[in-house]
Amino acid sequence: MVSSPLRIAVFASGSGSNFQALAEAIAGGGIPAELALLVCDRPEAKVVRRAEALGVPTLLFRPKEYASREAYEREIVARLEAEGVELVVLAGYMRLITGILLNPFYGRMINIHPSLLPAFPGIGAVRQALEYGVKLTGATVHFVDGGMDTGPIIAQQAVEVLDGDTEETLAERIHAAEHELLPRVVRWMAEGRIKLDGRKVTVAKEVGP
């Protein structure tokens, strides 16, 4: 078991509903962790206002102001290290990352994706599921590797596709599943229960009182 709260950085680019769900789970005492930093590539995004309301420090940047992706990632890594961040959570962060950011945090960087990977990676996953005609889709939390949504899978939660679903109605139910799944996985991480061995991820059973 981890004896001190796990220091987490969340990366997000949009509304930040997963950031909010995670913050509420931590505040409720369900996760032995603390939100040390929000990293956002869109300073005008709603997630920034959420972080400010919760008193979570932010690192805001505009990628176009940097010569390269590697340049802003070096700045991000320096801040993560300065804040003592132990786990990076990508929650709607819409930027590909390079080894500059990934390598120092491999095995300590997770992403949430709105499909049952390996089905429908990349952007537009909800629309892809509807167009393909699947009966089940859902949400996946996985470790981040060098590919697009290709890292080892930690946990998944299924969502039924209903007759008459639109992209909006299906996305709403998938987001609800994400808000349950992500805090659960972060709790496992904070409790030191997750083991990564190649592509195989195992979760130790919870030890009772």
C-alpha atoms as a PDB file:
ATOM      1  CA  MET A   1       0.000   0.000   0.000  1.00  0.00           C
ATOM      2  CA  VAL A   2       1.122   3.537  -0.736  1.00  0.00           C
ATOM      3  CA  SER A   3       1.577   5.367   2.572  1.00  0.00           C
ATOM      4  CA  SER A   4       1.321   8.969   1.349  1.00  0.00           C
ATOM      5  CA  PRO A   5      -1.150  10.572  -1.067  1.00  0.00           C
ATOM      6  CA  LEU A   6      -0.280   9.980  -4.714  1.00  0.00           C
ATOM      7  CA  ARG A   7       0.463  13.263  -6.485  1.00  0.00           C
ATOM      8  CA  ILE A   8      -1.420  13.406  -9.760  1.00  0.00           C
ATOM      9  CA  ALA A   9      -1.266  15.653 -12.806  1.00  0.00           C
ATOM     10  CA  VAL A  10      -4.267  15.666 -15.114  1.00  0.00           C
ATOM     11  CA  PHE A  11      -3.872  16.658 -18.768  1.00  0.00           C
ATOM     12  CA  ALA A  12      -7.066  17.907 -20.444  1.00  0.00           C
ATOM     13  CA  SER A  13      -8.080  20.042 -23.423  1.00  0.00           C
ATOM     14  CA  GLY A  14     -11.836  20.488 -23.073  1.00  0.00           C
ATOM     15  CA  SER A  15     -14.657  20.668 -20.563  1.00  0.00           C
ATOM     16  CA  GLY A  16     -12.915  18.574 -17.932  1.00  0.00           C
ATOM     17  CA  SER A  17     -15.785  16.387 -16.747  1.00  0.00           C
ATOM     18  CA  ASN A  18     -13.387  13.526 -16.002  1.00  0.00           C
ATOM     19  CA  PHE A  19     -11.139  15.965 -14.143  1.00  0.00           C
ATOM     20  CA  GLN A  20     -14.159  16.992 -12.059  1.00  0.00           C
ATOM     21  CA  ALA A  21     -15.179  13.376 -11.378  1.00  0.00           C
ATOM     22  CA  LEU A  22     -11.670  12.548 -10.248  1.00  0.00           C
ATOM     23  CA  ALA A  23     -11.459  15.650  -8.053  1.00  0.00           C
ATOM     24  CA  GLU A  24     -14.774  14.797  -6.392  1.00  0.00           C
ATOM     25  CA  ALA A  25     -13.706  11.205  -5.736  1.00  0.00           C
ATOM     26  CA  ILE A  26     -10.477  12.411  -4.126  1.00  0.00           C
ATOM     27  CA  ALA A  27     -12.289  15.043  -2.063  1.00  0.00           C
ATOM     28  CA  GLY A  28     -14.747  12.413  -0.888  1.00  0.00           C
ATOM     29  CA  GLY A  29     -11.919  10.389   0.604  1.00  0.00           C
ATOM     30  CA  GLY A  30     -12.243   7.486  -1.805  1.00  0.00           C
ATOM     31  CA  ILE A  31      -8.770   7.880  -3.320  1.00  0.00           C
ATOM     32  CA  PRO A  32      -5.528   8.398  -1.335  1.00  0.00           C
ATOM     33  CA  ALA A  33      -4.270  11.008  -3.781  1.00  0.00           C
ATOM     34  CA  GLU A  34      -4.088  14.728  -4.435  1.00  0.00           C
ATOM     35  CA  LEU A  35      -4.401  16.757  -7.610  1.00  0.00           C
ATOM     36  CA  ALA A  36      -1.047  18.478  -7.900  1.00  0.00           C
ATOM     37  CA  LEU A  37      -1.457  20.050 -11.346  1.00  0.00           C
ATOM     38  CA  LEU A  38      -3.703  20.557 -14.356  1.00  0.00           C
ATOM     39  CA  VAL A  39      -1.906  20.754 -17.699  1.00  0.00           C
ATOM     40  CA  CYS A  40      -3.959  22.289 -20.502  1.00  0.00           C
ATOM     41  CA  ASP A  41      -3.082  23.274 -24.074  1.00  0.00           C
ATOM     42  CA  ARG A  42      -6.177  25.487 -24.409  1.00  0.00           C
ATOM     43  CA  PRO A  43      -6.152  28.232 -21.762  1.00  0.00           C
ATOM     44  CA  GLU A  44      -9.755  29.151 -22.608  1.00  0.00           C
ATOM     45  CA  ALA A  45     -11.072  25.607 -21.939  1.00  0.00           C
ATOM     46  CA  LYS A  46     -13.728  25.009 -19.286  1.00  0.00           C
ATOM     47  CA  VAL A  47     -11.450  22.595 -17.424  1.00  0.00           C
ATOM     48  CA  VAL A  48      -9.243  25.560 -16.474  1.00  0.00           C
ATOM     49  CA  ARG A  49     -12.159  27.209 -14.673  1.00  0.00           C
ATOM     50  CA  ARG A  50     -12.889  23.933 -12.909  1.00  0.00           C
ATOM     51  CA  ALA A  51      -9.290  23.721 -11.683  1.00  0.00           C
ATOM     52  CA  GLU A  52      -9.288  27.335 -10.511  1.00  0.00           C
ATOM     53  CA  ALA A  53     -12.513  26.776  -8.570  1.00  0.00           C
ATOM     54  CA  LEU A  54     -10.930  23.786  -6.833  1.00  0.00           C
ATOM     55  CA  GLY A  55      -7.647  25.563  -6.143  1.00  0.00           C
ATOM     56  CA  VAL A  56      -5.649  23.161  -8.315  1.00  0.00           C
ATOM     57  CA  PRO A  57      -2.465  24.715  -9.800  1.00  0.00           C
ATOM     58  CA  THR A  58      -2.388  24.941 -13.588  1.00  0.00           C
ATOM     59  CA  LEU A  59       0.186  24.852 -16.362  1.00  0.00           C
ATOM     60  CA  LEU A  60      -1.355  26.501 -19.413  1.00  0.00           C
ATOM     61  CA  PHE A  61       0.297  26.776 -22.809  1.00  0.00           C
ATOM     62  CA  ARG A  62      -0.426  27.335 -26.478  1.00  0.00           C
ATOM     63  CA  PRO A  63       1.437  24.854 -28.695  1.00  0.00           C
ATOM     64  CA  LYS A  64       1.716  27.340 -31.571  1.00  0.00           C
ATOM     65  CA  GLU A  65       3.961  29.504 -29.414  1.00  0.00           C
ATOM     66  CA  TYR A  66       6.648  26.794 -29.325  1.00  0.00           C
ATOM     67  CA  ALA A  67       9.089  25.714 -32.015  1.00  0.00           C
ATOM     68  CA  SER A  68       8.153  22.046 -31.608  1.00  0.00           C
ATOM     69  CA  ARG A  69       6.166  19.558 -29.581  1.00  0.00           C
ATOM     70  CA  GLU A  70       9.377  18.520 -27.878  1.00  0.00           C
ATOM     71  CA  ALA A  71       9.997  22.113 -26.763  1.00  0.00           C
ATOM     72  CA  TYR A  72       6.782  22.461 -24.785  1.00  0.00           C
ATOM     73  CA  GLU A  73       7.030  18.900 -23.484  1.00  0.00           C
ATOM     74  CA  ARG A  74      10.426  19.696 -21.933  1.00  0.00           C
ATOM     75  CA  GLU A  75       8.785  22.582 -20.100  1.00  0.00           C
ATOM     76  CA  ILE A  76       5.957  20.305 -18.965  1.00  0.00           C
ATOM     77  CA  VAL A  77       8.332  17.605 -17.684  1.00  0.00           C
ATOM     78  CA  ALA A  78      10.282  20.192 -15.705  1.00  0.00           C
ATOM     79  CA  ARG A  79       7.069  21.365 -14.025  1.00  0.00           C
ATOM     80  CA  LEU A  80       5.888  17.806 -13.336  1.00  0.00           C
ATOM     81  CA  GLU A  81       9.181  17.003 -11.670  1.00  0.00           C
ATOM     82  CA  ALA A  82       9.112  20.247  -9.681  1.00  0.00           C
ATOM     83  CA  GLU A  83       5.629  19.383  -8.413  1.00  0.00           C
ATOM     84  CA  GLY A  84       6.648  15.840  -7.459  1.00  0.00           C
ATOM     85  CA  VAL A  85       4.044  14.315  -9.783  1.00  0.00           C
ATOM     86  CA  GLU A  86       3.897  10.525  -9.569  1.00  0.00           C
ATOM     87  CA  LEU A  87       1.004   9.739 -11.913  1.00  0.00           C
ATOM     88  CA  VAL A  88      -0.053  11.452 -15.144  1.00  0.00           C
ATOM     89  CA  VAL A  89      -3.689  11.084 -16.205  1.00  0.00           C
ATOM     90  CA  LEU A  90      -4.638  12.008 -19.768  1.00  0.00           C
ATOM     91  CA  ALA A  91      -8.344  12.851 -19.646  1.00  0.00           C
ATOM     92  CA  GLY A  92      -9.409  14.378 -22.932  1.00  0.00           C
ATOM     93  CA  TYR A  93      -5.940  15.681 -23.787  1.00  0.00           C
ATOM     94  CA  MET A  94      -6.039  16.055 -27.559  1.00  0.00           C
ATOM     95  CA  ARG A  95      -2.306  16.106 -28.291  1.00  0.00           C
ATOM     96  CA  LEU A  96      -0.017  13.305 -29.360  1.00  0.00           C
ATOM     97  CA  ILE A  97       2.968  13.026 -27.061  1.00  0.00           C
ATOM     98  CA  THR A  98       6.614  12.225 -27.730  1.00  0.00           C
ATOM     99  CA  GLY A  99       9.227  10.297 -25.812  1.00  0.00           C
ATOM    100  CA  ILE A 100      10.272  13.527 -24.081  1.00  0.00           C
ATOM    101  CA  LEU A 101       7.137  13.317 -21.955  1.00  0.00           C
ATOM    102  CA  LEU A 102       6.401   9.610 -22.147  1.00  0.00           C
ATOM    103  CA  ASN A 103       9.758   8.105 -21.219  1.00  0.00           C
ATOM    104  CA  PRO A 104      10.093   9.625 -17.724  1.00  0.00           C
ATOM    105  CA  PHE A 105       6.538   8.534 -16.893  1.00  0.00           C
ATOM    106  CA  TYR A 106       6.136   5.215 -18.715  1.00  0.00           C
ATOM    107  CA  GLY A 107       4.103   2.923 -16.485  1.00  0.00           C
ATOM    108  CA  ARG A 108       2.938   6.002 -14.595  1.00  0.00           C
ATOM    109  CA  MET A 109       0.878   7.587 -17.382  1.00  0.00           C
ATOM    110  CA  ILE A 110      -2.686   6.488 -18.134  1.00  0.00           C
ATOM    111  CA  ASN A 111      -5.344   7.579 -20.617  1.00  0.00           C
ATOM    112  CA  ILE A 112      -9.116   7.240 -20.754  1.00  0.00           C
ATOM    113  CA  HIS A 113     -10.696   6.567 -24.138  1.00  0.00           C
ATOM    114  CA  PRO A 114     -14.409   6.390 -25.094  1.00  0.00           C
ATOM    115  CA  SER A 115     -14.488   2.923 -26.648  1.00  0.00           C
ATOM    116  CA  LEU A 116     -13.658  -0.672 -25.830  1.00  0.00           C
ATOM    117  CA  LEU A 117     -10.133  -0.688 -27.195  1.00  0.00           C
ATOM    118  CA  PRO A 118      -8.644  -1.926 -29.439  1.00  0.00           C
ATOM    119  CA  ALA A 119     -11.870  -1.042 -31.255  1.00  0.00           C
ATOM    120  CA  PHE A 120     -12.260   2.541 -32.482  1.00  0.00           C
ATOM    121  CA  PRO A 121      -9.001   4.239 -31.445  1.00  0.00           C
ATOM    122  CA  GLY A 122      -8.278   7.882 -32.168  1.00  0.00           C
ATOM    123  CA  ILE A 123     -10.747  10.724 -32.496  1.00  0.00           C
ATOM    124  CA  GLY A 124     -14.460  10.280 -33.138  1.00  0.00           C
ATOM    125  CA  ALA A 125     -14.690   6.963 -31.278  1.00  0.00           C
ATOM    126  CA  VAL A 126     -18.379   7.350 -30.448  1.00  0.00           C
ATOM    127  CA  ARG A 127     -19.253   8.165 -34.048  1.00  0.00           C
ATOM    128  CA  GLN A 128     -17.121   5.256 -35.263  1.00  0.00           C
ATOM    129  CA  ALA A 129     -19.018   2.849 -33.000  1.00  0.00           C
ATOM    130  CA  LEU A 130     -22.394   4.059 -34.267  1.00  0.00           C
ATOM    131  CA  GLU A 131     -21.342   3.896 -37.906  1.00  0.00           C
ATOM    132  CA  TYR A 132     -19.962   0.381 -37.482  1.00  0.00           C
ATOM    133  CA  GLY A 133     -23.183  -0.807 -35.886  1.00  0.00           C
ATOM    134  CA  VAL A 134     -21.771  -2.417 -32.745  1.00  0.00           C
ATOM    135  CA  LYS A 135     -24.163  -3.364 -29.949  1.00  0.00           C
ATOM    136  CA  LEU A 136     -21.646  -2.702 -27.178  1.00  0.00           C
ATOM    137  CA  THR A 137     -19.077   0.013 -26.780  1.00  0.00           C
ATOM    138  CA  GLY A 138     -17.807   1.720 -23.631  1.00  0.00           C
ATOM    139  CA  ALA A 139     -14.752   3.185 -21.971  1.00  0.00           C
ATOM    140  CA  THR A 140     -11.168   2.022 -21.527  1.00  0.00           C
ATOM    141  CA  VAL A 141      -8.370   3.113 -19.223  1.00  0.00           C
ATOM    142  CA  HIS A 142      -4.954   2.077 -20.489  1.00  0.00           C
ATOM    143  CA  PHE A 143      -1.290   2.773 -19.977  1.00  0.00           C
ATOM    144  CA  VAL A 144       0.143   5.165 -22.547  1.00  0.00           C
ATOM    145  CA  ASP A 145       2.803   3.935 -24.958  1.00  0.00           C
ATOM    146  CA  GLY A 146       4.166   5.379 -28.192  1.00  0.00           C
ATOM    147  CA  GLY A 147       1.080   4.624 -30.292  1.00  0.00           C
ATOM    148  CA  MET A 148      -2.411   6.072 -30.537  1.00  0.00           C
ATOM    149  CA  ASP A 149      -4.550   4.349 -27.885  1.00  0.00           C
ATOM    150  CA  THR A 150      -2.406   1.208 -28.166  1.00  0.00           C
ATOM    151  CA  GLY A 151      -1.043   0.874 -24.625  1.00  0.00           C
ATOM    152  CA  PRO A 152      -1.738  -2.024 -22.232  1.00  0.00           C
ATOM    153  CA  ILE A 153      -5.350  -2.067 -21.061  1.00  0.00           C
ATOM    154  CA  ILE A 154      -5.987  -1.687 -17.327  1.00  0.00           C
ATOM    155  CA  ALA A 155      -9.797  -1.758 -17.161  1.00  0.00           C
ATOM    156  CA  GLN A 156     -12.881  -1.387 -19.305  1.00  0.00           C
ATOM    157  CA  GLN A 157     -16.570  -0.679 -18.766  1.00  0.00           C
ATOM    158  CA  ALA A 158     -19.178  -1.636 -21.348  1.00  0.00           C
ATOM    159  CA  VAL A 159     -22.031   0.582 -22.520  1.00  0.00           C
ATOM    160  CA  GLU A 160     -24.929  -0.800 -24.561  1.00  0.00           C
ATOM    161  CA  VAL A 161     -25.731   0.906 -27.852  1.00  0.00           C
ATOM    162  CA  LEU A 162     -29.482   1.458 -27.968  1.00  0.00           C
ATOM    163  CA  ASP A 163     -31.768   1.622 -30.977  1.00  0.00           C
ATOM    164  CA  GLY A 164     -32.169   5.261 -31.915  1.00  0.00           C
ATOM    165  CA  ASP A 165     -28.968   6.382 -30.227  1.00  0.00           C
ATOM    166  CA  THR A 166     -27.353   9.514 -31.593  1.00  0.00           C
ATOM    167  CA  GLU A 167     -23.736  10.446 -31.118  1.00  0.00           C
ATOM    168  CA  GLU A 168     -24.836  12.809 -28.334  1.00  0.00           C
ATOM    169  CA  THR A 169     -26.995  10.324 -26.408  1.00  0.00           C
ATOM    170  CA  LEU A 170     -24.421   7.549 -26.631  1.00  0.00           C
ATOM    171  CA  ALA A 171     -21.592   9.898 -25.666  1.00  0.00           C
ATOM    172  CA  GLU A 172     -23.534  10.963 -22.571  1.00  0.00           C
ATOM    173  CA  ARG A 173     -23.765   7.367 -21.311  1.00  0.00           C
ATOM    174  CA  ILE A 174     -20.128   6.680 -22.157  1.00  0.00           C
ATOM    175  CA  HIS A 175     -19.090   9.779 -20.206  1.00  0.00           C
ATOM    176  CA  ALA A 176     -21.067   8.495 -17.221  1.00  0.00           C
ATOM    177  CA  ALA A 177     -19.148   5.222 -17.459  1.00  0.00           C
ATOM    178  CA  GLU A 178     -15.853   7.111 -17.693  1.00  0.00           C
ATOM    179  CA  HIS A 179     -16.698   9.051 -14.527  1.00  0.00           C
ATOM    180  CA  GLU A 180     -16.970   5.731 -12.676  1.00  0.00           C
ATOM    181  CA  LEU A 181     -14.075   3.933 -14.334  1.00  0.00           C
ATOM    182  CA  LEU A 182     -11.343   6.540 -14.148  1.00  0.00           C
ATOM    183  CA  PRO A 183     -11.556   7.205 -10.377  1.00  0.00           C
ATOM    184  CA  ARG A 184     -11.648   3.436  -9.769  1.00  0.00           C
ATOM    185  CA  VAL A 185      -8.429   2.895 -11.732  1.00  0.00           C
ATOM    186  CA  VAL A 186      -6.708   5.876 -10.120  1.00  0.00           C
ATOM    187  CA  ARG A 187      -7.624   4.451  -6.716  1.00  0.00           C
ATOM    188  CA  TRP A 188      -6.005   1.150  -7.693  1.00  0.00           C
ATOM    189  CA  MET A 189      -2.908   3.045  -8.771  1.00  0.00           C
ATOM    190  CA  ALA A 190      -2.826   5.054  -5.550  1.00  0.00           C
ATOM    191  CA  GLU A 191      -3.146   1.876  -3.524  1.00  0.00           C
ATOM    192  CA  GLY A 192      -0.280   0.240  -5.400  1.00  0.00           C
ATOM    193  CA  ARG A 193      -2.466  -2.603  -6.655  1.00  0.00           C
ATOM    194  CA  ILE A 194      -1.662  -2.466 -10.378  1.00  0.00           C
ATOM    195  CA  LYS A 195       1.181  -4.466 -11.903  1.00  0.00           C
ATOM    196  CA  LEU A 196       2.342  -4.002 -15.503  1.00  0.00           C
ATOM    197  CA  ASP A 197       4.239  -6.877 -17.131  1.00  0.00           C
ATOM    198  CA  GLY A 198       4.702  -6.354 -20.860  1.00  0.00           C
ATOM    199  CA  ARG A 199       1.160  -5.952 -22.173  1.00  0.00           C
ATOM    200  CA  LYS A 200      -0.412  -7.795 -19.248  1.00  0.00           C
ATOM    201  CA  VAL A 201      -1.945  -5.746 -16.448  1.00  0.00           C
ATOM    202  CA  THR A 202      -3.043  -7.342 -13.208  1.00  0.00           C
ATOM    203  CA  VAL A 203      -4.883  -5.779 -10.301  1.00  0.00           C
ATOM    204  CA  ALA A 204      -4.300  -7.184  -6.825  1.00  0.00           C
ATOM    205  CA  LYS A 205      -7.384  -7.858  -4.756  1.00  0.00           C
ATOM    206  CA  GLU A 206      -8.318  -5.281  -2.172  1.00  0.00           C
ATOM    207  CA  VAL A 207      -7.087  -6.172   1.291  1.00  0.00           C
ATOM    208  CA  GLY A 208      -9.885  -6.064   3.841  1.00  0.00           C
ATOM    209  CA  PRO A 209      -9.652  -4.411   7.253  1.00  0.00           C
END
